[in-house]
Amino acid sequence: MITRINSILIFVNDLTKSISFYQETLNLSLIHKNPNMAQFIISDVFLIIHQATVNINKNGNIHFNLEVQQLNEFVEGLKLKGVIIKKEIHNPGFGYLVATILDNEENEIDLLEKIK
């Protein structure tokens, strides 16, 4: 039985730019780094950014969800930083408000806020 996500791995073309995006733009805490990868932690889930060994296709490397507080304010802050908002905040009907952004390599990331 699966009880939680342990880690999410993303293969990227440019590790340095990806570290900057996740660390500086999304304000995630970098906990480990070596020449081939960087590891962040969100709550108890590891987010691992790994340098790809060959060029990879955009818009298909990975898709994952991040739960956030104050989704509207968070999305507005990302817009000010130049982040592409693929889908504005909406209610898809499963108990969360959702917005979809693109990271620096056009990977989709859903931002979720639980509806109270």
PDB file of N, CA and C in Angstrom:
ATOM      1  N   MET A   1       0.842  -1.185   0.000  1.00  0.00           N
ATOM      2  CA  MET A   1       0.000   0.000   0.000  1.00  0.00           C
ATOM      3  C   MET A   1       0.886   1.247   0.000  1.00  0.00           C
ATOM      4  N   ILE A   2       0.631   2.120  -0.915  1.00  0.00           N
ATOM      5  CA  ILE A   2       1.375   3.384  -0.983  1.00  0.00           C
ATOM      6  C   ILE A   2       0.752   4.356   0.000  1.00  0.00           C
ATOM      7  N   THR A   3       1.573   4.953   0.851  1.00  0.00           N
ATOM      8  CA  THR A   3       1.062   5.877   1.860  1.00  0.00           C
ATOM      9  C   THR A   3       1.472   7.328   1.638  1.00  0.00           C
ATOM     10  N   ARG A   4       2.525   7.571   0.829  1.00  0.00           N
ATOM     11  CA  ARG A   4       2.939   8.952   0.578  1.00  0.00           C
ATOM     12  C   ARG A   4       3.945   8.981  -0.565  1.00  0.00           C
ATOM     13  N   ILE A   5       4.184  10.139  -1.097  1.00  0.00           N
ATOM     14  CA  ILE A   5       5.244  10.297  -2.082  1.00  0.00           C
ATOM     15  C   ILE A   5       6.547  10.500  -1.327  1.00  0.00           C
ATOM     16  N   ASN A   6       7.554   9.736  -1.666  1.00  0.00           N
ATOM     17  CA  ASN A   6       8.864   9.885  -1.042  1.00  0.00           C
ATOM     18  C   ASN A   6       9.713  10.891  -1.779  1.00  0.00           C
ATOM     19  N   SER A   7       9.739  10.789  -3.113  1.00  0.00           N
ATOM     20  CA  SER A   7      10.579  11.703  -3.891  1.00  0.00           C
ATOM     21  C   SER A   7      10.018  11.854  -5.296  1.00  0.00           C
ATOM     22  N   ILE A   8      10.375  12.957  -5.900  1.00  0.00           N
ATOM     23  CA  ILE A   8      10.039  13.249  -7.283  1.00  0.00           C
ATOM     24  C   ILE A   8      11.346  13.572  -7.976  1.00  0.00           C
ATOM     25  N   LEU A   9      11.606  12.930  -9.098  1.00  0.00           N
ATOM     26  CA  LEU A   9      12.846  13.124  -9.834  1.00  0.00           C
ATOM     27  C   LEU A   9      12.539  13.802 -11.156  1.00  0.00           C
ATOM     28  N   ILE A  10      13.287  14.850 -11.449  1.00  0.00           N
ATOM     29  CA  ILE A  10      13.117  15.579 -12.701  1.00  0.00           C
ATOM     30  C   ILE A  10      14.459  15.612 -13.412  1.00  0.00           C
ATOM     31  N   PHE A  11      14.490  15.138 -14.655  1.00  0.00           N
ATOM     32  CA  PHE A  11      15.694  15.236 -15.471  1.00  0.00           C
ATOM     33  C   PHE A  11      15.626  16.540 -16.258  1.00  0.00           C
ATOM     34  N   VAL A  12      16.682  17.329 -16.184  1.00  0.00           N
ATOM     35  CA  VAL A  12      16.691  18.657 -16.796  1.00  0.00           C
ATOM     36  C   VAL A  12      17.879  18.815 -17.737  1.00  0.00           C
ATOM     37  N   ASN A  13      17.753  19.735 -18.684  1.00  0.00           N
ATOM     38  CA  ASN A  13      18.842  20.032 -19.610  1.00  0.00           C
ATOM     39  C   ASN A  13      19.892  20.941 -18.990  1.00  0.00           C
ATOM     40  N   ASP A  14      19.472  21.860 -18.125  1.00  0.00           N
ATOM     41  CA  ASP A  14      20.394  22.827 -17.529  1.00  0.00           C
ATOM     42  C   ASP A  14      20.218  22.818 -16.015  1.00  0.00           C
ATOM     43  N   LEU A  15      21.079  22.081 -15.332  1.00  0.00           N
ATOM     44  CA  LEU A  15      20.965  21.913 -13.883  1.00  0.00           C
ATOM     45  C   LEU A  15      21.087  23.240 -13.147  1.00  0.00           C
ATOM     46  N   THR A  16      22.029  24.074 -13.542  1.00  0.00           N
ATOM     47  CA  THR A  16      22.252  25.354 -12.858  1.00  0.00           C
ATOM     48  C   THR A  16      21.010  26.234 -12.918  1.00  0.00           C
ATOM     49  N   LYS A  17      20.419  26.377 -14.094  1.00  0.00           N
ATOM     50  CA  LYS A  17      19.209  27.198 -14.225  1.00  0.00           C
ATOM     51  C   LYS A  17      18.042  26.586 -13.458  1.00  0.00           C
ATOM     52  N   SER A  18      17.949  25.269 -13.452  1.00  0.00           N
ATOM     53  CA  SER A  18      16.859  24.612 -12.728  1.00  0.00           C
ATOM     54  C   SER A  18      17.001  24.789 -11.216  1.00  0.00           C
ATOM     55  N   ILE A  19      18.224  24.686 -10.714  1.00  0.00           N
ATOM     56  CA  ILE A  19      18.450  24.930  -9.278  1.00  0.00           C
ATOM     57  C   ILE A  19      18.019  26.343  -8.936  1.00  0.00           C
ATOM     58  N   SER A  20      18.387  27.291  -9.762  1.00  0.00           N
ATOM     59  CA  SER A  20      18.003  28.684  -9.527  1.00  0.00           C
ATOM     60  C   SER A  20      16.487  28.838  -9.513  1.00  0.00           C
ATOM     61  N   PHE A  21      15.802  28.203 -10.464  1.00  0.00           N
ATOM     62  CA  PHE A  21      14.346  28.307 -10.508  1.00  0.00           C
ATOM     63  C   PHE A  21      13.713  27.773  -9.228  1.00  0.00           C
ATOM     64  N   TYR A  22      14.080  26.566  -8.829  1.00  0.00           N
ATOM     65  CA  TYR A  22      13.451  25.952  -7.658  1.00  0.00           C
ATOM     66  C   TYR A  22      13.870  26.617  -6.349  1.00  0.00           C
ATOM     67  N   GLN A  23      15.118  27.062  -6.276  1.00  0.00           N
ATOM     68  CA  GLN A  23      15.610  27.669  -5.045  1.00  0.00           C
ATOM     69  C   GLN A  23      15.185  29.134  -4.934  1.00  0.00           C
ATOM     70  N   GLU A  24      15.402  29.901  -5.974  1.00  0.00           N
ATOM     71  CA  GLU A  24      15.157  31.340  -5.897  1.00  0.00           C
ATOM     72  C   GLU A  24      13.724  31.734  -6.251  1.00  0.00           C
ATOM     73  N   THR A  25      13.165  31.129  -7.291  1.00  0.00           N
ATOM     74  CA  THR A  25      11.827  31.514  -7.723  1.00  0.00           C
ATOM     75  C   THR A  25      10.748  30.885  -6.849  1.00  0.00           C
ATOM     76  N   LEU A  26      10.883  29.593  -6.547  1.00  0.00           N
ATOM     77  CA  LEU A  26       9.881  28.912  -5.720  1.00  0.00           C
ATOM     78  C   LEU A  26      10.254  28.865  -4.241  1.00  0.00           C
ATOM     79  N   ASN A  27      11.438  29.379  -3.905  1.00  0.00           N
ATOM     80  CA  ASN A  27      11.890  29.470  -2.508  1.00  0.00           C
ATOM     81  C   ASN A  27      11.983  28.123  -1.797  1.00  0.00           C
ATOM     82  N   LEU A  28      12.398  27.078  -2.508  1.00  0.00           N
ATOM     83  CA  LEU A  28      12.591  25.775  -1.877  1.00  0.00           C
ATOM     84  C   LEU A  28      13.987  25.709  -1.258  1.00  0.00           C
ATOM     85  N   SER A  29      14.108  24.938  -0.202  1.00  0.00           N
ATOM     86  CA  SER A  29      15.391  24.798   0.499  1.00  0.00           C
ATOM     87  C   SER A  29      16.243  23.709  -0.133  1.00  0.00           C
ATOM     88  N   LEU A  30      17.412  24.101  -0.610  1.00  0.00           N
ATOM     89  CA  LEU A  30      18.378  23.159  -1.171  1.00  0.00           C
ATOM     90  C   LEU A  30      19.069  22.445  -0.014  1.00  0.00           C
ATOM     91  N   ILE A  31      18.994  21.095   0.008  1.00  0.00           N
ATOM     92  CA  ILE A  31      19.611  20.370   1.121  1.00  0.00           C
ATOM     93  C   ILE A  31      20.842  19.586   0.709  1.00  0.00           C
ATOM     94  N   HIS A  32      21.010  19.350  -0.600  1.00  0.00           N
ATOM     95  CA  HIS A  32      22.190  18.621  -1.073  1.00  0.00           C
ATOM     96  C   HIS A  32      22.406  18.949  -2.541  1.00  0.00           C
ATOM     97  N   LYS A  33      23.663  19.041  -2.923  1.00  0.00           N
ATOM     98  CA  LYS A  33      23.995  19.352  -4.308  1.00  0.00           C
ATOM     99  C   LYS A  33      25.317  18.685  -4.660  1.00  0.00           C
ATOM    100  N   ASN A  34      25.392  18.124  -5.875  1.00  0.00           N
ATOM    101  CA  ASN A  34      26.658  17.668  -6.421  1.00  0.00           C
ATOM    102  C   ASN A  34      26.655  18.039  -7.905  1.00  0.00           C
ATOM    103  N   PRO A  35      27.691  17.737  -8.661  1.00  0.00           N
ATOM    104  CA  PRO A  35      27.728  18.186 -10.060  1.00  0.00           C
ATOM    105  C   PRO A  35      26.605  17.637 -10.950  1.00  0.00           C
ATOM    106  N   ASN A  36      25.943  16.572 -10.527  1.00  0.00           N
ATOM    107  CA  ASN A  36      24.912  15.965 -11.364  1.00  0.00           C
ATOM    108  C   ASN A  36      23.488  16.123 -10.861  1.00  0.00           C
ATOM    109  N   MET A  37      23.315  16.579  -9.628  1.00  0.00           N
ATOM    110  CA  MET A  37      21.960  16.661  -9.083  1.00  0.00           C
ATOM    111  C   MET A  37      21.876  17.648  -7.933  1.00  0.00           C
ATOM    112  N   ALA A  38      20.636  18.017  -7.619  1.00  0.00           N
ATOM    113  CA  ALA A  38      20.346  18.858  -6.458  1.00  0.00           C
ATOM    114  C   ALA A  38      19.107  18.285  -5.783  1.00  0.00           C
ATOM    115  N   GLN A  39      19.108  18.342  -4.462  1.00  0.00           N
ATOM    116  CA  GLN A  39      17.996  17.762  -3.707  1.00  0.00           C
ATOM    117  C   GLN A  39      17.376  18.836  -2.825  1.00  0.00           C
ATOM    118  N   PHE A  40      16.061  18.956  -2.931  1.00  0.00           N
ATOM    119  CA  PHE A  40      15.274  19.868  -2.113  1.00  0.00           C
ATOM    120  C   PHE A  40      14.332  19.019  -1.267  1.00  0.00           C
ATOM    121  N   ILE A  41      13.789  19.607  -0.209  1.00  0.00           N
ATOM    122  CA  ILE A  41      12.775  18.892   0.563  1.00  0.00           C
ATOM    123  C   ILE A  41      11.594  19.820   0.791  1.00  0.00           C
ATOM    124  N   ILE A  42      10.409  19.253   0.586  1.00  0.00           N
ATOM    125  CA  ILE A  42       9.156  19.958   0.818  1.00  0.00           C
ATOM    126  C   ILE A  42       8.376  19.089   1.786  1.00  0.00           C
ATOM    127  N   SER A  43       8.212  19.566   3.002  1.00  0.00           N
ATOM    128  CA  SER A  43       7.593  18.764   4.052  1.00  0.00           C
ATOM    129  C   SER A  43       8.426  17.500   4.208  1.00  0.00           C
ATOM    130  N   ASP A  44       7.898  16.346   3.863  1.00  0.00           N
ATOM    131  CA  ASP A  44       8.683  15.116   3.967  1.00  0.00           C
ATOM    132  C   ASP A  44       8.901  14.452   2.611  1.00  0.00           C
ATOM    133  N   VAL A  45       8.790  15.233   1.537  1.00  0.00           N
ATOM    134  CA  VAL A  45       8.978  14.710   0.183  1.00  0.00           C
ATOM    135  C   VAL A  45      10.234  15.328  -0.430  1.00  0.00           C
ATOM    136  N   PHE A  46      11.084  14.488  -0.998  1.00  0.00           N
ATOM    137  CA  PHE A  46      12.286  14.975  -1.666  1.00  0.00           C
ATOM    138  C   PHE A  46      11.980  15.310  -3.115  1.00  0.00           C
ATOM    139  N   LEU A  47      12.467  16.451  -3.561  1.00  0.00           N
ATOM    140  CA  LEU A  47      12.404  16.841  -4.958  1.00  0.00           C
ATOM    141  C   LEU A  47      13.839  16.838  -5.464  1.00  0.00           C
ATOM    142  N   ILE A  48      14.131  15.958  -6.419  1.00  0.00           N
ATOM    143  CA  ILE A  48      15.493  15.772  -6.909  1.00  0.00           C
ATOM    144  C   ILE A  48      15.556  16.231  -8.361  1.00  0.00           C
ATOM    145  N   ILE A  49      16.436  17.196  -8.621  1.00  0.00           N
ATOM    146  CA  ILE A  49      16.660  17.704  -9.974  1.00  0.00           C
ATOM    147  C   ILE A  49      17.957  17.067 -10.450  1.00  0.00           C
ATOM    148  N   HIS A  50      17.889  16.324 -11.556  1.00  0.00           N
ATOM    149  CA  HIS A  50      19.053  15.573 -12.021  1.00  0.00           C
ATOM    150  C   HIS A  50      19.412  15.995 -13.437  1.00  0.00           C
ATOM    151  N   GLN A  51      20.684  16.217 -13.692  1.00  0.00           N
ATOM    152  CA  GLN A  51      21.147  16.563 -15.028  1.00  0.00           C
ATOM    153  C   GLN A  51      20.900  15.402 -15.980  1.00  0.00           C
ATOM    154  N   ALA A  52      20.199  15.669 -17.083  1.00  0.00           N
ATOM    155  CA  ALA A  52      19.962  14.638 -18.100  1.00  0.00           C
ATOM    156  C   ALA A  52      21.260  14.373 -18.849  1.00  0.00           C
ATOM    157  N   THR A  53      21.439  13.138 -19.291  1.00  0.00           N
ATOM    158  CA  THR A  53      22.651  12.784 -20.032  1.00  0.00           C
ATOM    159  C   THR A  53      22.487  13.034 -21.520  1.00  0.00           C
ATOM    160  N   VAL A  54      21.253  13.170 -22.001  1.00  0.00           N
ATOM    161  CA  VAL A  54      20.968  13.539 -23.390  1.00  0.00           C
ATOM    162  C   VAL A  54      19.876  14.595 -23.359  1.00  0.00           C
ATOM    163  N   ASN A  55      19.731  15.351 -24.436  1.00  0.00           N
ATOM    164  CA  ASN A  55      18.662  16.345 -24.486  1.00  0.00           C
ATOM    165  C   ASN A  55      17.310  15.656 -24.360  1.00  0.00           C
ATOM    166  N   ILE A  56      16.426  16.287 -23.641  1.00  0.00           N
ATOM    167  CA  ILE A  56      15.110  15.706 -23.394  1.00  0.00           C
ATOM    168  C   ILE A  56      14.039  16.601 -24.006  1.00  0.00           C
ATOM    169  N   ASN A  57      12.878  16.031 -24.229  1.00  0.00           N
ATOM    170  CA  ASN A  57      11.781  16.794 -24.821  1.00  0.00           C
ATOM    171  C   ASN A  57      11.125  17.681 -23.777  1.00  0.00           C
ATOM    172  N   LYS A  58      10.768  18.883 -24.192  1.00  0.00           N
ATOM    173  CA  LYS A  58      10.040  19.774 -23.302  1.00  0.00           C
ATOM    174  C   LYS A  58       8.580  19.334 -23.235  1.00  0.00           C
ATOM    175  N   ASN A  59       7.887  19.776 -22.213  1.00  0.00           N
ATOM    176  CA  ASN A  59       6.463  19.489 -22.005  1.00  0.00           C
ATOM    177  C   ASN A  59       6.163  18.005 -21.871  1.00  0.00           C
ATOM    178  N   GLY A  60       7.059  17.223 -21.305  1.00  0.00           N
ATOM    179  CA  GLY A  60       6.743  15.824 -21.132  1.00  0.00           C
ATOM    180  C   GLY A  60       7.664  15.138 -20.155  1.00  0.00           C
ATOM    181  N   ASN A  61       8.536  15.878 -19.481  1.00  0.00           N
ATOM    182  CA  ASN A  61       9.510  15.271 -18.585  1.00  0.00           C
ATOM    183  C   ASN A  61       8.886  14.808 -17.285  1.00  0.00           C
ATOM    184  N   ILE A  62       7.973  15.609 -16.742  1.00  0.00           N
ATOM    185  CA  ILE A  62       7.331  15.260 -15.474  1.00  0.00           C
ATOM    186  C   ILE A  62       6.183  16.235 -15.215  1.00  0.00           C
ATOM    187  N   HIS A  63       5.273  15.801 -14.403  1.00  0.00           N
ATOM    188  CA  HIS A  63       4.180  16.661 -13.940  1.00  0.00           C
ATOM    189  C   HIS A  63       3.937  16.291 -12.487  1.00  0.00           C
ATOM    190  N   PHE A  64       3.876  17.284 -11.629  1.00  0.00           N
ATOM    191  CA  PHE A  64       3.645  16.980 -10.225  1.00  0.00           C
ATOM    192  C   PHE A  64       2.876  18.110  -9.569  1.00  0.00           C
ATOM    193  N   ASN A  65       2.421  17.848  -8.338  1.00  0.00           N
ATOM    194  CA  ASN A  65       1.592  18.799  -7.598  1.00  0.00           C
ATOM    195  C   ASN A  65       2.317  19.304  -6.359  1.00  0.00           C
ATOM    196  N   LEU A  66       2.156  20.588  -6.102  1.00  0.00           N
ATOM    197  CA  LEU A  66       2.661  21.200  -4.880  1.00  0.00           C
ATOM    198  C   LEU A  66       1.495  21.863  -4.168  1.00  0.00           C
ATOM    199  N   GLU A  67       1.286  21.520  -2.904  1.00  0.00           N
ATOM    200  CA  GLU A  67       0.225  22.165  -2.142  1.00  0.00           C
ATOM    201  C   GLU A  67       0.773  23.454  -1.551  1.00  0.00           C
ATOM    202  N   VAL A  68       0.022  24.542  -1.697  1.00  0.00           N
ATOM    203  CA  VAL A  68       0.464  25.850  -1.204  1.00  0.00           C
ATOM    204  C   VAL A  68      -0.634  26.486  -0.374  1.00  0.00           C
ATOM    205  N   GLN A  69      -0.253  27.463   0.421  1.00  0.00           N
ATOM    206  CA  GLN A  69      -1.211  28.276   1.158  1.00  0.00           C
ATOM    207  C   GLN A  69      -1.361  29.596   0.422  1.00  0.00           C
ATOM    208  N   GLN A  70      -2.530  30.195   0.494  1.00  0.00           N
ATOM    209  CA  GLN A  70      -2.804  31.478  -0.144  1.00  0.00           C
ATOM    210  C   GLN A  70      -2.419  31.444  -1.625  1.00  0.00           C
ATOM    211  N   LEU A  71      -3.077  30.564  -2.359  1.00  0.00           N
ATOM    212  CA  LEU A  71      -2.762  30.316  -3.757  1.00  0.00           C
ATOM    213  C   LEU A  71      -2.785  31.591  -4.591  1.00  0.00           C
ATOM    214  N   ASN A  72      -3.787  32.428  -4.407  1.00  0.00           N
ATOM    215  CA  ASN A  72      -3.886  33.640  -5.211  1.00  0.00           C
ATOM    216  C   ASN A  72      -2.650  34.525  -5.040  1.00  0.00           C
ATOM    217  N   GLU A  73      -2.251  34.773  -3.801  1.00  0.00           N
ATOM    218  CA  GLU A  73      -1.067  35.602  -3.542  1.00  0.00           C
ATOM    219  C   GLU A  73       0.195  34.943  -4.090  1.00  0.00           C
ATOM    220  N   PHE A  74       0.289  33.619  -3.946  1.00  0.00           N
ATOM    221  CA  PHE A  74       1.470  32.895  -4.427  1.00  0.00           C
ATOM    222  C   PHE A  74       1.585  33.017  -5.950  1.00  0.00           C
ATOM    223  N   VAL A  75       0.464  32.822  -6.657  1.00  0.00           N
ATOM    224  CA  VAL A  75       0.475  32.912  -8.121  1.00  0.00           C
ATOM    225  C   VAL A  75       0.803  34.335  -8.569  1.00  0.00           C
ATOM    226  N   GLU A  76       0.241  35.323  -7.908  1.00  0.00           N
ATOM    227  CA  GLU A  76       0.541  36.713  -8.276  1.00  0.00           C
ATOM    228  C   GLU A  76       2.033  37.007  -8.096  1.00  0.00           C
ATOM    229  N   GLY A  77       2.630  36.476  -7.035  1.00  0.00           N
ATOM    230  CA  GLY A  77       4.068  36.653  -6.828  1.00  0.00           C
ATOM    231  C   GLY A  77       4.892  35.992  -7.919  1.00  0.00           C
ATOM    232  N   LEU A  78       4.445  34.830  -8.374  1.00  0.00           N
ATOM    233  CA  LEU A  78       5.155  34.142  -9.456  1.00  0.00           C
ATOM    234  C   LEU A  78       5.049  34.924 -10.761  1.00  0.00           C
ATOM    235  N   LYS A  79       3.884  35.520 -11.009  1.00  0.00           N
ATOM    236  CA  LYS A  79       3.724  36.335 -12.216  1.00  0.00           C
ATOM    237  C   LYS A  79       4.727  37.489 -12.215  1.00  0.00           C
ATOM    238  N   LEU A  80       4.907  38.115 -11.055  1.00  0.00           N
ATOM    239  CA  LEU A  80       5.861  39.222 -10.948  1.00  0.00           C
ATOM    240  C   LEU A  80       7.287  38.764 -11.235  1.00  0.00           C
ATOM    241  N   LYS A  81       7.557  37.477 -11.006  1.00  0.00           N
ATOM    242  CA  LYS A  81       8.886  36.914 -11.271  1.00  0.00           C
ATOM    243  C   LYS A  81       9.006  36.397 -12.704  1.00  0.00           C
ATOM    244  N   GLY A  82       7.957  36.554 -13.499  1.00  0.00           N
ATOM    245  CA  GLY A  82       8.004  36.147 -14.896  1.00  0.00           C
ATOM    246  C   GLY A  82       7.665  34.695 -15.160  1.00  0.00           C
ATOM    247  N   VAL A  83       7.112  34.006 -14.166  1.00  0.00           N
ATOM    248  CA  VAL A  83       6.744  32.599 -14.354  1.00  0.00           C
ATOM    249  C   VAL A  83       5.516  32.509 -15.259  1.00  0.00           C
ATOM    250  N   ILE A  84       5.536  31.559 -16.185  1.00  0.00           N
ATOM    251  CA  ILE A  84       4.407  31.361 -17.093  1.00  0.00           C
ATOM    252  C   ILE A  84       3.295  30.612 -16.364  1.00  0.00           C
ATOM    253  N   ILE A  85       2.113  31.204 -16.369  1.00  0.00           N
ATOM    254  CA  ILE A  85       0.935  30.565 -15.780  1.00  0.00           C
ATOM    255  C   ILE A  85       0.183  29.913 -16.933  1.00  0.00           C
ATOM    256  N   LYS A  86       0.224  28.594 -17.002  1.00  0.00           N
ATOM    257  CA  LYS A  86      -0.422  27.873 -18.103  1.00  0.00           C
ATOM    258  C   LYS A  86      -1.935  27.837 -17.924  1.00  0.00           C
ATOM    259  N   LYS A  87      -2.384  27.618 -16.681  1.00  0.00           N
ATOM    260  CA  LYS A  87      -3.815  27.636 -16.366  1.00  0.00           C
ATOM    261  C   LYS A  87      -4.003  28.475 -15.113  1.00  0.00           C
ATOM    262  N   GLU A  88      -4.845  29.469 -15.209  1.00  0.00           N
ATOM    263  CA  GLU A  88      -5.153  30.314 -14.056  1.00  0.00           C
ATOM    264  C   GLU A  88      -5.890  29.502 -12.986  1.00  0.00           C
ATOM    265  N   ILE A  89      -6.022  30.075 -11.823  1.00  0.00           N
ATOM    266  CA  ILE A  89      -6.681  29.404 -10.696  1.00  0.00           C
ATOM    267  C   ILE A  89      -8.110  29.025 -11.088  1.00  0.00           C
ATOM    268  N   HIS A  90      -8.440  27.758 -10.827  1.00  0.00           N
ATOM    269  CA  HIS A  90      -9.771  27.249 -11.117  1.00  0.00           C
ATOM    270  C   HIS A  90     -10.122  26.144 -10.126  1.00  0.00           C
ATOM    271  N   ASN A  91     -11.387  25.782 -10.095  1.00  0.00           N
ATOM    272  CA  ASN A  91     -11.868  24.724  -9.218  1.00  0.00           C
ATOM    273  C   ASN A  91     -12.285  23.537 -10.076  1.00  0.00           C
ATOM    274  N   PRO A  92     -11.424  22.509 -10.174  1.00  0.00           N
ATOM    275  CA  PRO A  92     -11.764  21.348 -10.985  1.00  0.00           C
ATOM    276  C   PRO A  92     -12.744  20.382 -10.310  1.00  0.00           C
ATOM    277  N   GLY A  93     -13.137  20.689  -9.071  1.00  0.00           N
ATOM    278  CA  GLY A  93     -14.178  19.901  -8.433  1.00  0.00           C
ATOM    279  C   GLY A  93     -13.723  18.750  -7.565  1.00  0.00           C
ATOM    280  N   PHE A  94     -12.456  18.751  -7.118  1.00  0.00           N
ATOM    281  CA  PHE A  94     -12.008  17.665  -6.237  1.00  0.00           C
ATOM    282  C   PHE A  94     -11.496  18.184  -4.887  1.00  0.00           C
ATOM    283  N   GLY A  95     -11.995  19.349  -4.480  1.00  0.00           N
ATOM    284  CA  GLY A  95     -11.680  19.866  -3.152  1.00  0.00           C
ATOM    285  C   GLY A  95     -10.487  20.805  -3.085  1.00  0.00           C
ATOM    286  N   TYR A  96      -9.903  21.134  -4.205  1.00  0.00           N
ATOM    287  CA  TYR A  96      -8.749  22.034  -4.263  1.00  0.00           C
ATOM    288  C   TYR A  96      -8.946  23.073  -5.358  1.00  0.00           C
ATOM    289  N   LEU A  97      -8.424  24.271  -5.119  1.00  0.00           N
ATOM    290  CA  LEU A  97      -8.235  25.236  -6.189  1.00  0.00           C
ATOM    291  C   LEU A  97      -6.902  24.905  -6.833  1.00  0.00           C
ATOM    292  N   VAL A  98      -6.809  25.050  -8.149  1.00  0.00           N
ATOM    293  CA  VAL A  98      -5.608  24.624  -8.868  1.00  0.00           C
ATOM    294  C   VAL A  98      -5.190  25.700  -9.866  1.00  0.00           C
ATOM    295  N   ALA A  99      -3.884  25.937  -9.936  1.00  0.00           N
ATOM    296  CA  ALA A  99      -3.278  26.740 -11.002  1.00  0.00           C
ATOM    297  C   ALA A  99      -2.111  25.926 -11.544  1.00  0.00           C
ATOM    298  N   THR A 100      -1.873  26.028 -12.847  1.00  0.00           N
ATOM    299  CA  THR A 100      -0.768  25.296 -13.460  1.00  0.00           C
ATOM    300  C   THR A 100       0.271  26.284 -13.970  1.00  0.00           C
ATOM    301  N   ILE A 101       1.531  26.068 -13.558  1.00  0.00           N
ATOM    302  CA  ILE A 101       2.640  26.904 -14.007  1.00  0.00           C
ATOM    303  C   ILE A 101       3.621  26.048 -14.802  1.00  0.00           C
ATOM    304  N   LEU A 102       4.533  26.722 -15.489  1.00  0.00           N
ATOM    305  CA  LEU A 102       5.623  26.046 -16.178  1.00  0.00           C
ATOM    306  C   LEU A 102       6.931  26.438 -15.520  1.00  0.00           C
ATOM    307  N   ASP A 103       7.809  25.455 -15.300  1.00  0.00           N
ATOM    308  CA  ASP A 103       9.127  25.793 -14.768  1.00  0.00           C
ATOM    309  C   ASP A 103      10.012  26.291 -15.908  1.00  0.00           C
ATOM    310  N   ASN A 104      11.284  26.494 -15.639  1.00  0.00           N
ATOM    311  CA  ASN A 104      12.194  27.055 -16.635  1.00  0.00           C
ATOM    312  C   ASN A 104      12.415  26.151 -17.837  1.00  0.00           C
ATOM    313  N   GLU A 105      12.072  24.862 -17.750  1.00  0.00           N
ATOM    314  CA  GLU A 105      12.198  23.953 -18.890  1.00  0.00           C
ATOM    315  C   GLU A 105      10.836  23.464 -19.383  1.00  0.00           C
ATOM    316  N   GLU A 106       9.791  24.208 -19.034  1.00  0.00           N
ATOM    317  CA  GLU A 106       8.417  23.973 -19.467  1.00  0.00           C
ATOM    318  C   GLU A 106       7.798  22.702 -18.912  1.00  0.00           C
ATOM    319  N   ASN A 107       8.285  22.223 -17.777  1.00  0.00           N
ATOM    320  CA  ASN A 107       7.604  21.152 -17.054  1.00  0.00           C
ATOM    321  C   ASN A 107       6.390  21.764 -16.358  1.00  0.00           C
ATOM    322  N   GLU A 108       5.257  21.071 -16.433  1.00  0.00           N
ATOM    323  CA  GLU A 108       4.057  21.559 -15.761  1.00  0.00           C
ATOM    324  C   GLU A 108       4.105  21.243 -14.281  1.00  0.00           C
ATOM    325  N   ILE A 109       3.685  22.217 -13.477  1.00  0.00           N
ATOM    326  CA  ILE A 109       3.575  22.040 -12.037  1.00  0.00           C
ATOM    327  C   ILE A 109       2.196  22.560 -11.639  1.00  0.00           C
ATOM    328  N   ASP A 110       1.388  21.702 -11.003  1.00  0.00           N
ATOM    329  CA  ASP A 110       0.102  22.160 -10.475  1.00  0.00           C
ATOM    330  C   ASP A 110       0.298  22.667  -9.059  1.00  0.00           C
ATOM    331  N   LEU A 111      -0.247  23.839  -8.789  1.00  0.00           N
ATOM    332  CA  LEU A 111      -0.252  24.423  -7.446  1.00  0.00           C
ATOM    333  C   LEU A 111      -1.651  24.248  -6.892  1.00  0.00           C
ATOM    334  N   LEU A 112      -1.766  23.651  -5.710  1.00  0.00           N
ATOM    335  CA  LEU A 112      -3.057  23.335  -5.136  1.00  0.00           C
ATOM    336  C   LEU A 112      -3.244  24.018  -3.784  1.00  0.00           C
ATOM    337  N   GLU A 113      -4.469  24.481  -3.542  1.00  0.00           N
ATOM    338  CA  GLU A 113      -4.849  24.964  -2.210  1.00  0.00           C
ATOM    339  C   GLU A 113      -6.172  24.306  -1.847  1.00  0.00           C
ATOM    340  N   LYS A 114      -6.183  23.629  -0.687  1.00  0.00           N
ATOM    341  CA  LYS A 114      -7.380  22.934  -0.226  1.00  0.00           C
ATOM    342  C   LYS A 114      -8.482  23.958   0.033  1.00  0.00           C
ATOM    343  N   ILE A 115      -9.670  23.668  -0.489  1.00  0.00           N
ATOM    344  CA  ILE A 115     -10.817  24.552  -0.280  1.00  0.00           C
ATOM    345  C   ILE A 115     -11.323  24.340   1.139  1.00  0.00           C
ATOM    346  N   LYS A 116     -11.477  25.429   1.865  1.00  0.00           N
ATOM    347  CA  LYS A 116     -11.902  25.331   3.276  1.00  0.00           C
ATOM    348  C   LYS A 116     -13.388  25.363   3.411  1.00  0.00           C
TER     349      LYS A 116
END
